[in-house]
Amino acid sequence: MSMATSVQQFVEMQPRLAWRRSLLRWLVRVVLFRFVFRVKVTGAENVPADGPGILMMNHISLLDPVLCLGAVTNRFVIPMTKVENVRNPFLAPFVRWWGSYSVNRGEIDRKALTNSIELAKSGQLILIAPEGTRQVGGLSQPKDGLAYVATKANAVIIPAAIMGAIDWEQKLKRLQRPEIQVNFGHPFRFKTEGRARIPRETLTAMTDQAMYQLALAVTDENMRGIYSDVSQAATEHLEFVPVSAPESD
């Protein structure tokens, strides 16, 4: 998405990007998933085929967004990417061709929030890393942006846990194929009880409960970070949604 493109224009152009995304996803799944890495996808049945959705991703490597957009096959994932990637000569062509949208980290980016809300409202599946930056030591304190977007769009949230991607570059240098898993957890919505505005403290509580659901999807218990004690997971702000029958990858 270019700086000159309005939110409405970006939403309206989504159908026109389908052929590009189909081609790129096919390349990711054939080249990266089968030949460069050994990627195992589990819980794919937890991703609804339509409707407002947010993939809630832990962030441990540069590969994470690509892994998510390749792992979801019943619809397209639209990643939010840091603005630096749009200026990166190696990543920028992929980012632009896929049709990602950028966010300025370290500040409240109103346009990125509006993009996220309007995309989700229009029935798209967007990708958000609630921690903001890579956390190789395990899950850490998130920001409240995900809860804000999800409540405004009434979006279904799907935890997307990535394991095994931290040291992929070193393994490739040693001519080893990294074994990576992408696991999708049980989808849920936040309970808004009809409120248009959610108090800040409630958004924080919602985010905390969502992070525990992400922790449950992280099968490597050593990577759950500050959410490692999943017995503390609360759900009073969450409403779980039914899932479809499992599909083979």
C-alpha atoms as a PDB file:
ATOM      1  CA  MET A   1       0.000   0.000   0.000  1.00  0.00           C
ATOM      2  CA  SER A   2       1.500   3.319  -1.048  1.00  0.00           C
ATOM      3  CA  MET A   3       1.364   6.419   1.123  1.00  0.00           C
ATOM      4  CA  ALA A   4      -0.980   8.045  -1.433  1.00  0.00           C
ATOM      5  CA  THR A   5      -3.527   5.209  -1.303  1.00  0.00           C
ATOM      6  CA  SER A   6      -6.529   5.915   0.888  1.00  0.00           C
ATOM      7  CA  VAL A   7      -7.947   3.335   3.265  1.00  0.00           C
ATOM      8  CA  GLN A   8     -11.071   2.943   1.129  1.00  0.00           C
ATOM      9  CA  GLN A   9      -9.013   2.520  -2.040  1.00  0.00           C
ATOM     10  CA  PHE A  10      -6.878  -0.130  -0.327  1.00  0.00           C
ATOM     11  CA  VAL A  11      -9.950  -2.053   0.809  1.00  0.00           C
ATOM     12  CA  GLU A  12     -11.507  -1.873  -2.660  1.00  0.00           C
ATOM     13  CA  MET A  13      -8.362  -3.129  -4.406  1.00  0.00           C
ATOM     14  CA  GLN A  14      -8.182  -6.392  -2.422  1.00  0.00           C
ATOM     15  CA  PRO A  15     -10.003  -8.590  -5.002  1.00  0.00           C
ATOM     16  CA  ARG A  16      -7.593  -7.425  -7.704  1.00  0.00           C
ATOM     17  CA  LEU A  17      -4.630  -8.729  -5.692  1.00  0.00           C
ATOM     18  CA  ALA A  18      -5.925 -12.314  -5.573  1.00  0.00           C
ATOM     19  CA  TRP A  19      -3.978 -13.604  -8.597  1.00  0.00           C
ATOM     20  CA  ARG A  20      -0.712 -12.167  -7.287  1.00  0.00           C
ATOM     21  CA  ARG A  21      -1.257 -13.631  -3.859  1.00  0.00           C
ATOM     22  CA  SER A  22      -2.191 -17.031  -5.289  1.00  0.00           C
ATOM     23  CA  LEU A  23       1.057 -17.124  -7.255  1.00  0.00           C
ATOM     24  CA  LEU A  24       3.233 -15.947  -4.367  1.00  0.00           C
ATOM     25  CA  ARG A  25       1.600 -18.338  -1.894  1.00  0.00           C
ATOM     26  CA  TRP A  26       2.141 -21.231  -4.297  1.00  0.00           C
ATOM     27  CA  LEU A  27       5.823 -20.304  -4.577  1.00  0.00           C
ATOM     28  CA  VAL A  28       6.163 -20.026  -0.790  1.00  0.00           C
ATOM     29  CA  ARG A  29       4.567 -23.416  -0.223  1.00  0.00           C
ATOM     30  CA  VAL A  30       6.516 -25.196  -2.976  1.00  0.00           C
ATOM     31  CA  VAL A  31       9.929 -23.563  -2.619  1.00  0.00           C
ATOM     32  CA  LEU A  32      10.151 -22.678   1.071  1.00  0.00           C
ATOM     33  CA  PHE A  33       7.828 -25.206   2.716  1.00  0.00           C
ATOM     34  CA  ARG A  34       8.983 -28.257   0.749  1.00  0.00           C
ATOM     35  CA  PHE A  35      12.552 -27.616  -0.348  1.00  0.00           C
ATOM     36  CA  VAL A  36      14.229 -24.963   1.808  1.00  0.00           C
ATOM     37  CA  PHE A  37      12.535 -25.774   5.131  1.00  0.00           C
ATOM     38  CA  ARG A  38      10.510 -28.597   6.634  1.00  0.00           C
ATOM     39  CA  VAL A  39       7.311 -26.792   7.574  1.00  0.00           C
ATOM     40  CA  LYS A  40       4.530 -28.560   9.464  1.00  0.00           C
ATOM     41  CA  VAL A  41       1.158 -26.811   9.685  1.00  0.00           C
ATOM     42  CA  THR A  42      -1.309 -27.866  12.384  1.00  0.00           C
ATOM     43  CA  GLY A  43      -4.693 -26.505  13.401  1.00  0.00           C
ATOM     44  CA  ALA A  44      -5.506 -25.164   9.920  1.00  0.00           C
ATOM     45  CA  GLU A  45      -9.162 -26.028  10.541  1.00  0.00           C
ATOM     46  CA  ASN A  46      -9.200 -23.239  13.149  1.00  0.00           C
ATOM     47  CA  VAL A  47      -8.940 -20.536  10.461  1.00  0.00           C
ATOM     48  CA  PRO A  48     -12.444 -19.463   9.339  1.00  0.00           C
ATOM     49  CA  ALA A  49     -12.837 -19.356   5.561  1.00  0.00           C
ATOM     50  CA  ASP A  50     -14.458 -15.919   5.592  1.00  0.00           C
ATOM     51  CA  GLY A  51     -15.505 -13.001   7.747  1.00  0.00           C
ATOM     52  CA  PRO A  52     -13.502 -10.425   9.722  1.00  0.00           C
ATOM     53  CA  GLY A  53     -10.403 -12.120  11.121  1.00  0.00           C
ATOM     54  CA  ILE A  54      -7.071 -11.445  12.795  1.00  0.00           C
ATOM     55  CA  LEU A  55      -4.139 -13.828  12.930  1.00  0.00           C
ATOM     56  CA  MET A  56      -2.456 -13.151  16.273  1.00  0.00           C
ATOM     57  CA  MET A  57       1.175 -14.145  15.695  1.00  0.00           C
ATOM     58  CA  ASN A  58       4.123 -14.592  18.013  1.00  0.00           C
ATOM     59  CA  HIS A  59       7.171 -12.973  16.444  1.00  0.00           C
ATOM     60  CA  ILE A  60      10.497 -14.807  16.587  1.00  0.00           C
ATOM     61  CA  SER A  61      12.077 -14.295  13.151  1.00  0.00           C
ATOM     62  CA  LEU A  62      11.994 -12.357   9.897  1.00  0.00           C
ATOM     63  CA  LEU A  63      10.272 -15.345   8.289  1.00  0.00           C
ATOM     64  CA  ASP A  64       7.156 -15.285  10.476  1.00  0.00           C
ATOM     65  CA  PRO A  65       4.781 -13.301   8.225  1.00  0.00           C
ATOM     66  CA  VAL A  66       5.791 -15.355   5.185  1.00  0.00           C
ATOM     67  CA  LEU A  67       5.190 -18.572   7.121  1.00  0.00           C
ATOM     68  CA  CYS A  68       1.711 -17.408   8.094  1.00  0.00           C
ATOM     69  CA  LEU A  69       0.661 -16.307   4.614  1.00  0.00           C
ATOM     70  CA  GLY A  70       1.876 -19.641   3.244  1.00  0.00           C
ATOM     71  CA  ALA A  71       0.260 -21.735   5.984  1.00  0.00           C
ATOM     72  CA  VAL A  72      -3.260 -20.373   5.454  1.00  0.00           C
ATOM     73  CA  THR A  73      -4.731 -21.790   2.251  1.00  0.00           C
ATOM     74  CA  ASN A  74      -8.487 -21.164   2.552  1.00  0.00           C
ATOM     75  CA  ARG A  75      -8.087 -17.378   2.228  1.00  0.00           C
ATOM     76  CA  PHE A  76      -5.399 -14.717   1.956  1.00  0.00           C
ATOM     77  CA  VAL A  77      -3.545 -13.223   4.895  1.00  0.00           C
ATOM     78  CA  ILE A  78      -2.814  -9.479   4.784  1.00  0.00           C
ATOM     79  CA  PRO A  79       0.223  -8.683   6.941  1.00  0.00           C
ATOM     80  CA  MET A  80       0.892  -5.440   8.750  1.00  0.00           C
ATOM     81  CA  THR A  81       4.600  -4.789   8.194  1.00  0.00           C
ATOM     82  CA  LYS A  82       6.964  -2.257   9.696  1.00  0.00           C
ATOM     83  CA  VAL A  83       7.586   0.721   7.436  1.00  0.00           C
ATOM     84  CA  GLU A  84      11.301  -0.146   7.236  1.00  0.00           C
ATOM     85  CA  ASN A  85      10.415  -3.249   5.191  1.00  0.00           C
ATOM     86  CA  VAL A  86       8.761  -1.069   2.547  1.00  0.00           C
ATOM     87  CA  ARG A  87      12.115   0.709   2.117  1.00  0.00           C
ATOM     88  CA  ASN A  88      14.201  -2.470   2.167  1.00  0.00           C
ATOM     89  CA  PRO A  89      15.458  -3.184  -1.394  1.00  0.00           C
ATOM     90  CA  PHE A  90      15.191  -6.954  -0.888  1.00  0.00           C
ATOM     91  CA  LEU A  91      11.839  -7.113   0.927  1.00  0.00           C
ATOM     92  CA  ALA A  92      10.021  -4.177  -0.651  1.00  0.00           C
ATOM     93  CA  PRO A  93       9.131  -5.916  -3.967  1.00  0.00           C
ATOM     94  CA  PHE A  94       7.551  -8.856  -2.121  1.00  0.00           C
ATOM     95  CA  VAL A  95       5.733  -6.559   0.337  1.00  0.00           C
ATOM     96  CA  ARG A  96       4.313  -4.421  -2.468  1.00  0.00           C
ATOM     97  CA  TRP A  97       3.410  -7.324  -4.749  1.00  0.00           C
ATOM     98  CA  TRP A  98       1.537  -9.113  -1.975  1.00  0.00           C
ATOM     99  CA  GLY A  99      -0.231  -5.903  -0.975  1.00  0.00           C
ATOM    100  CA  SER A 100       0.826  -5.503   2.655  1.00  0.00           C
ATOM    101  CA  TYR A 101       0.317  -2.299   4.582  1.00  0.00           C
ATOM    102  CA  SER A 102       2.851  -0.567   6.789  1.00  0.00           C
ATOM    103  CA  VAL A 103       2.990   0.630  10.373  1.00  0.00           C
ATOM    104  CA  ASN A 104       5.326   3.107  12.044  1.00  0.00           C
ATOM    105  CA  ARG A 105       6.611   1.381  15.152  1.00  0.00           C
ATOM    106  CA  GLY A 106       7.334   3.337  18.304  1.00  0.00           C
ATOM    107  CA  GLU A 107       4.319   5.607  17.863  1.00  0.00           C
ATOM    108  CA  ILE A 108       0.541   5.389  17.632  1.00  0.00           C
ATOM    109  CA  ASP A 109       0.022   5.001  13.884  1.00  0.00           C
ATOM    110  CA  ARG A 110      -3.592   6.050  13.339  1.00  0.00           C
ATOM    111  CA  LYS A 111      -3.585   5.179   9.631  1.00  0.00           C
ATOM    112  CA  ALA A 112      -2.327   1.648  10.321  1.00  0.00           C
ATOM    113  CA  LEU A 113      -5.047   1.183  12.963  1.00  0.00           C
ATOM    114  CA  THR A 114      -7.703   2.479  10.566  1.00  0.00           C
ATOM    115  CA  ASN A 115      -6.408   0.211   7.790  1.00  0.00           C
ATOM    116  CA  SER A 116      -6.568  -2.770  10.129  1.00  0.00           C
ATOM    117  CA  ILE A 117     -10.103  -2.011  11.276  1.00  0.00           C
ATOM    118  CA  GLU A 118     -11.502  -1.331   7.805  1.00  0.00           C
ATOM    119  CA  LEU A 119      -9.795  -4.349   6.245  1.00  0.00           C
ATOM    120  CA  ALA A 120     -11.179  -6.625   8.950  1.00  0.00           C
ATOM    121  CA  LYS A 121     -14.642  -5.063   8.715  1.00  0.00           C
ATOM    122  CA  SER A 122     -14.632  -5.761   4.972  1.00  0.00           C
ATOM    123  CA  GLY A 123     -14.119  -9.477   5.693  1.00  0.00           C
ATOM    124  CA  GLN A 124     -10.344  -9.737   5.301  1.00  0.00           C
ATOM    125  CA  LEU A 125      -7.915 -11.738   7.441  1.00  0.00           C
ATOM    126  CA  ILE A 126      -5.138  -9.481   8.717  1.00  0.00           C
ATOM    127  CA  LEU A 127      -1.936 -10.459  10.503  1.00  0.00           C
ATOM    128  CA  ILE A 128      -0.808  -8.692  13.677  1.00  0.00           C
ATOM    129  CA  ALA A 129       2.115  -9.410  16.016  1.00  0.00           C
ATOM    130  CA  PRO A 130       0.810  -7.953  19.310  1.00  0.00           C
ATOM    131  CA  GLU A 131       4.305  -7.715  20.807  1.00  0.00           C
ATOM    132  CA  GLY A 132       5.354  -5.397  17.986  1.00  0.00           C
ATOM    133  CA  THR A 133       8.930  -6.621  17.584  1.00  0.00           C
ATOM    134  CA  ARG A 134      10.734  -9.949  17.525  1.00  0.00           C
ATOM    135  CA  GLN A 135      11.001 -11.740  20.869  1.00  0.00           C
ATOM    136  CA  VAL A 136      13.406 -14.673  20.626  1.00  0.00           C
ATOM    137  CA  GLY A 137      13.207 -15.366  24.367  1.00  0.00           C
ATOM    138  CA  GLY A 138       9.504 -16.157  24.380  1.00  0.00           C
ATOM    139  CA  LEU A 139       6.246 -14.235  24.630  1.00  0.00           C
ATOM    140  CA  SER A 140       6.558 -10.783  26.166  1.00  0.00           C
ATOM    141  CA  GLN A 141       4.356  -7.848  27.125  1.00  0.00           C
ATOM    142  CA  PRO A 142       2.063  -6.904  24.202  1.00  0.00           C
ATOM    143  CA  LYS A 143       0.468  -3.640  23.180  1.00  0.00           C
ATOM    144  CA  ASP A 144      -3.295  -3.067  23.194  1.00  0.00           C
ATOM    145  CA  GLY A 145      -3.606  -2.413  19.443  1.00  0.00           C
ATOM    146  CA  LEU A 146      -4.883  -5.902  18.641  1.00  0.00           C
ATOM    147  CA  ALA A 147      -7.730  -5.702  21.159  1.00  0.00           C
ATOM    148  CA  TYR A 148      -8.653  -2.222  19.919  1.00  0.00           C
ATOM    149  CA  VAL A 149      -8.821  -3.353  16.290  1.00  0.00           C
ATOM    150  CA  ALA A 150     -10.627  -6.603  17.103  1.00  0.00           C
ATOM    151  CA  THR A 151     -13.345  -4.935  19.168  1.00  0.00           C
ATOM    152  CA  LYS A 152     -13.920  -2.210  16.575  1.00  0.00           C
ATOM    153  CA  ALA A 153     -14.230  -4.766  13.757  1.00  0.00           C
ATOM    154  CA  ASN A 154     -15.891  -7.587  15.760  1.00  0.00           C
ATOM    155  CA  ALA A 155     -13.173  -9.813  14.331  1.00  0.00           C
ATOM    156  CA  VAL A 156     -12.445 -13.449  15.093  1.00  0.00           C
ATOM    157  CA  ILE A 157      -8.926 -13.864  16.469  1.00  0.00           C
ATOM    158  CA  ILE A 158      -6.892 -16.949  15.584  1.00  0.00           C
ATOM    159  CA  PRO A 159      -3.675 -17.565  17.565  1.00  0.00           C
ATOM    160  CA  ALA A 160      -0.818 -18.313  15.149  1.00  0.00           C
ATOM    161  CA  ALA A 161       2.132 -19.871  16.960  1.00  0.00           C
ATOM    162  CA  ILE A 162       5.459 -20.308  15.182  1.00  0.00           C
ATOM    163  CA  MET A 163       8.172 -22.611  16.514  1.00  0.00           C
ATOM    164  CA  GLY A 164      11.619 -23.503  15.178  1.00  0.00           C
ATOM    165  CA  ALA A 165      12.291 -20.425  13.050  1.00  0.00           C
ATOM    166  CA  ILE A 166      14.675 -18.522  15.318  1.00  0.00           C
ATOM    167  CA  ASP A 167      17.978 -19.872  13.992  1.00  0.00           C
ATOM    168  CA  TRP A 168      16.932 -20.705  10.436  1.00  0.00           C
ATOM    169  CA  GLU A 169      19.759 -18.679   8.854  1.00  0.00           C
ATOM    170  CA  GLN A 170      22.483 -20.466  10.828  1.00  0.00           C
ATOM    171  CA  LYS A 171      21.018 -23.867   9.989  1.00  0.00           C
ATOM    172  CA  LEU A 172      20.908 -23.088   6.288  1.00  0.00           C
ATOM    173  CA  LYS A 173      24.542 -21.985   6.409  1.00  0.00           C
ATOM    174  CA  ARG A 174      25.338 -25.434   7.864  1.00  0.00           C
ATOM    175  CA  LEU A 175      23.334 -26.976   4.985  1.00  0.00           C
ATOM    176  CA  GLN A 176      20.616 -28.111   7.384  1.00  0.00           C
ATOM    177  CA  ARG A 177      16.910 -27.813   6.633  1.00  0.00           C
ATOM    178  CA  PRO A 178      15.216 -26.067   9.568  1.00  0.00           C
ATOM    179  CA  GLU A 179      12.160 -27.838  10.987  1.00  0.00           C
ATOM    180  CA  ILE A 180       9.450 -25.258  11.559  1.00  0.00           C
ATOM    181  CA  GLN A 181       5.922 -25.622  12.900  1.00  0.00           C
ATOM    182  CA  VAL A 182       2.999 -23.250  12.449  1.00  0.00           C
ATOM    183  CA  ASN A 183       0.161 -24.094  14.831  1.00  0.00           C
ATOM    184  CA  PHE A 184      -3.203 -22.340  14.804  1.00  0.00           C
ATOM    185  CA  GLY A 185      -5.042 -22.226  18.113  1.00  0.00           C
ATOM    186  CA  HIS A 186      -8.754 -22.104  18.851  1.00  0.00           C
ATOM    187  CA  PRO A 187     -10.464 -18.983  17.429  1.00  0.00           C
ATOM    188  CA  PHE A 188     -12.323 -16.525  19.653  1.00  0.00           C
ATOM    189  CA  ARG A 189     -13.871 -13.068  19.802  1.00  0.00           C
ATOM    190  CA  PHE A 190     -13.720 -10.475  22.532  1.00  0.00           C
ATOM    191  CA  LYS A 191     -16.959  -9.907  24.426  1.00  0.00           C
ATOM    192  CA  THR A 192     -17.896  -6.257  23.989  1.00  0.00           C
ATOM    193  CA  GLU A 193     -21.442  -6.514  25.414  1.00  0.00           C
ATOM    194  CA  GLY A 194     -22.578  -4.058  22.765  1.00  0.00           C
ATOM    195  CA  ARG A 195     -20.215  -1.280  23.832  1.00  0.00           C
ATOM    196  CA  ALA A 196     -18.823   0.954  21.091  1.00  0.00           C
ATOM    197  CA  ARG A 197     -15.967   2.142  23.317  1.00  0.00           C
ATOM    198  CA  ILE A 198     -14.035  -0.257  25.528  1.00  0.00           C
ATOM    199  CA  PRO A 199     -12.219   1.196  28.576  1.00  0.00           C
ATOM    200  CA  ARG A 200      -8.432   1.074  28.401  1.00  0.00           C
ATOM    201  CA  GLU A 201      -8.142  -1.236  31.401  1.00  0.00           C
ATOM    202  CA  THR A 202     -10.583  -3.666  29.766  1.00  0.00           C
ATOM    203  CA  LEU A 203      -8.613  -3.616  26.516  1.00  0.00           C
ATOM    204  CA  THR A 204      -5.502  -4.482  28.527  1.00  0.00           C
ATOM    205  CA  ALA A 205      -7.304  -7.374  30.240  1.00  0.00           C
ATOM    206  CA  MET A 206      -8.583  -8.620  26.877  1.00  0.00           C
ATOM    207  CA  THR A 207      -5.074  -8.482  25.419  1.00  0.00           C
ATOM    208  CA  ASP A 208      -3.673 -10.394  28.382  1.00  0.00           C
ATOM    209  CA  GLN A 209      -6.265 -13.149  28.029  1.00  0.00           C
ATOM    210  CA  ALA A 210      -5.619 -13.341  24.280  1.00  0.00           C
ATOM    211  CA  MET A 211      -1.888 -13.730  24.919  1.00  0.00           C
ATOM    212  CA  TYR A 212      -2.577 -16.753  27.094  1.00  0.00           C
ATOM    213  CA  GLN A 213      -4.479 -18.303  24.173  1.00  0.00           C
ATOM    214  CA  LEU A 214      -1.432 -17.657  22.012  1.00  0.00           C
ATOM    215  CA  ALA A 215       0.731 -19.272  24.695  1.00  0.00           C
ATOM    216  CA  LEU A 216      -1.484 -22.358  24.623  1.00  0.00           C
ATOM    217  CA  ALA A 217      -0.928 -22.588  20.860  1.00  0.00           C
ATOM    218  CA  VAL A 218       2.865 -22.432  21.348  1.00  0.00           C
ATOM    219  CA  THR A 219       3.685 -26.132  21.667  1.00  0.00           C
ATOM    220  CA  ASP A 220       7.250 -25.409  22.838  1.00  0.00           C
ATOM    221  CA  GLU A 221       6.646 -24.566  26.502  1.00  0.00           C
ATOM    222  CA  ASN A 222      10.063 -22.883  26.711  1.00  0.00           C
ATOM    223  CA  MET A 223       8.845 -20.219  24.257  1.00  0.00           C
ATOM    224  CA  ARG A 224       5.792 -19.100  26.240  1.00  0.00           C
ATOM    225  CA  GLY A 225       7.783 -16.432  28.052  1.00  0.00           C
ATOM    226  CA  ILE A 226       5.878 -14.424  30.656  1.00  0.00           C
ATOM    227  CA  TYR A 227       2.741 -16.420  29.784  1.00  0.00           C
ATOM    228  CA  SER A 228       4.333 -19.770  30.606  1.00  0.00           C
ATOM    229  CA  ASP A 229       1.943 -20.459  33.507  1.00  0.00           C
ATOM    230  CA  VAL A 230      -1.104 -21.240  31.382  1.00  0.00           C
ATOM    231  CA  SER A 231      -3.024 -22.268  34.504  1.00  0.00           C
ATOM    232  CA  GLN A 232      -3.470 -18.503  34.971  1.00  0.00           C
ATOM    233  CA  ALA A 233      -5.330 -18.180  31.662  1.00  0.00           C
ATOM    234  CA  ALA A 234      -8.675 -16.440  32.150  1.00  0.00           C
ATOM    235  CA  THR A 235     -11.485 -16.277  29.599  1.00  0.00           C
ATOM    236  CA  GLU A 236     -14.195 -13.939  30.942  1.00  0.00           C
ATOM    237  CA  HIS A 237     -13.558 -11.501  28.074  1.00  0.00           C
ATOM    238  CA  LEU A 238     -13.393 -14.223  25.405  1.00  0.00           C
ATOM    239  CA  GLU A 239     -16.070 -15.976  23.379  1.00  0.00           C
ATOM    240  CA  PHE A 240     -14.803 -19.073  21.550  1.00  0.00           C
ATOM    241  CA  VAL A 241     -16.210 -19.809  18.091  1.00  0.00           C
ATOM    242  CA  PRO A 242     -16.866 -23.232  16.536  1.00  0.00           C
ATOM    243  CA  VAL A 243     -14.389 -24.649  14.049  1.00  0.00           C
ATOM    244  CA  SER A 244     -14.733 -26.737  10.905  1.00  0.00           C
ATOM    245  CA  ALA A 245     -13.626 -30.319  10.412  1.00  0.00           C
ATOM    246  CA  PRO A 246      -9.827 -30.804  10.185  1.00  0.00           C
ATOM    247  CA  GLU A 247      -8.203 -30.592   6.772  1.00  0.00           C
ATOM    248  CA  SER A 248      -5.041 -32.336   5.692  1.00  0.00           C
ATOM    249  CA  ASP A 249      -2.113 -30.047   4.853  1.00  0.00           C
END
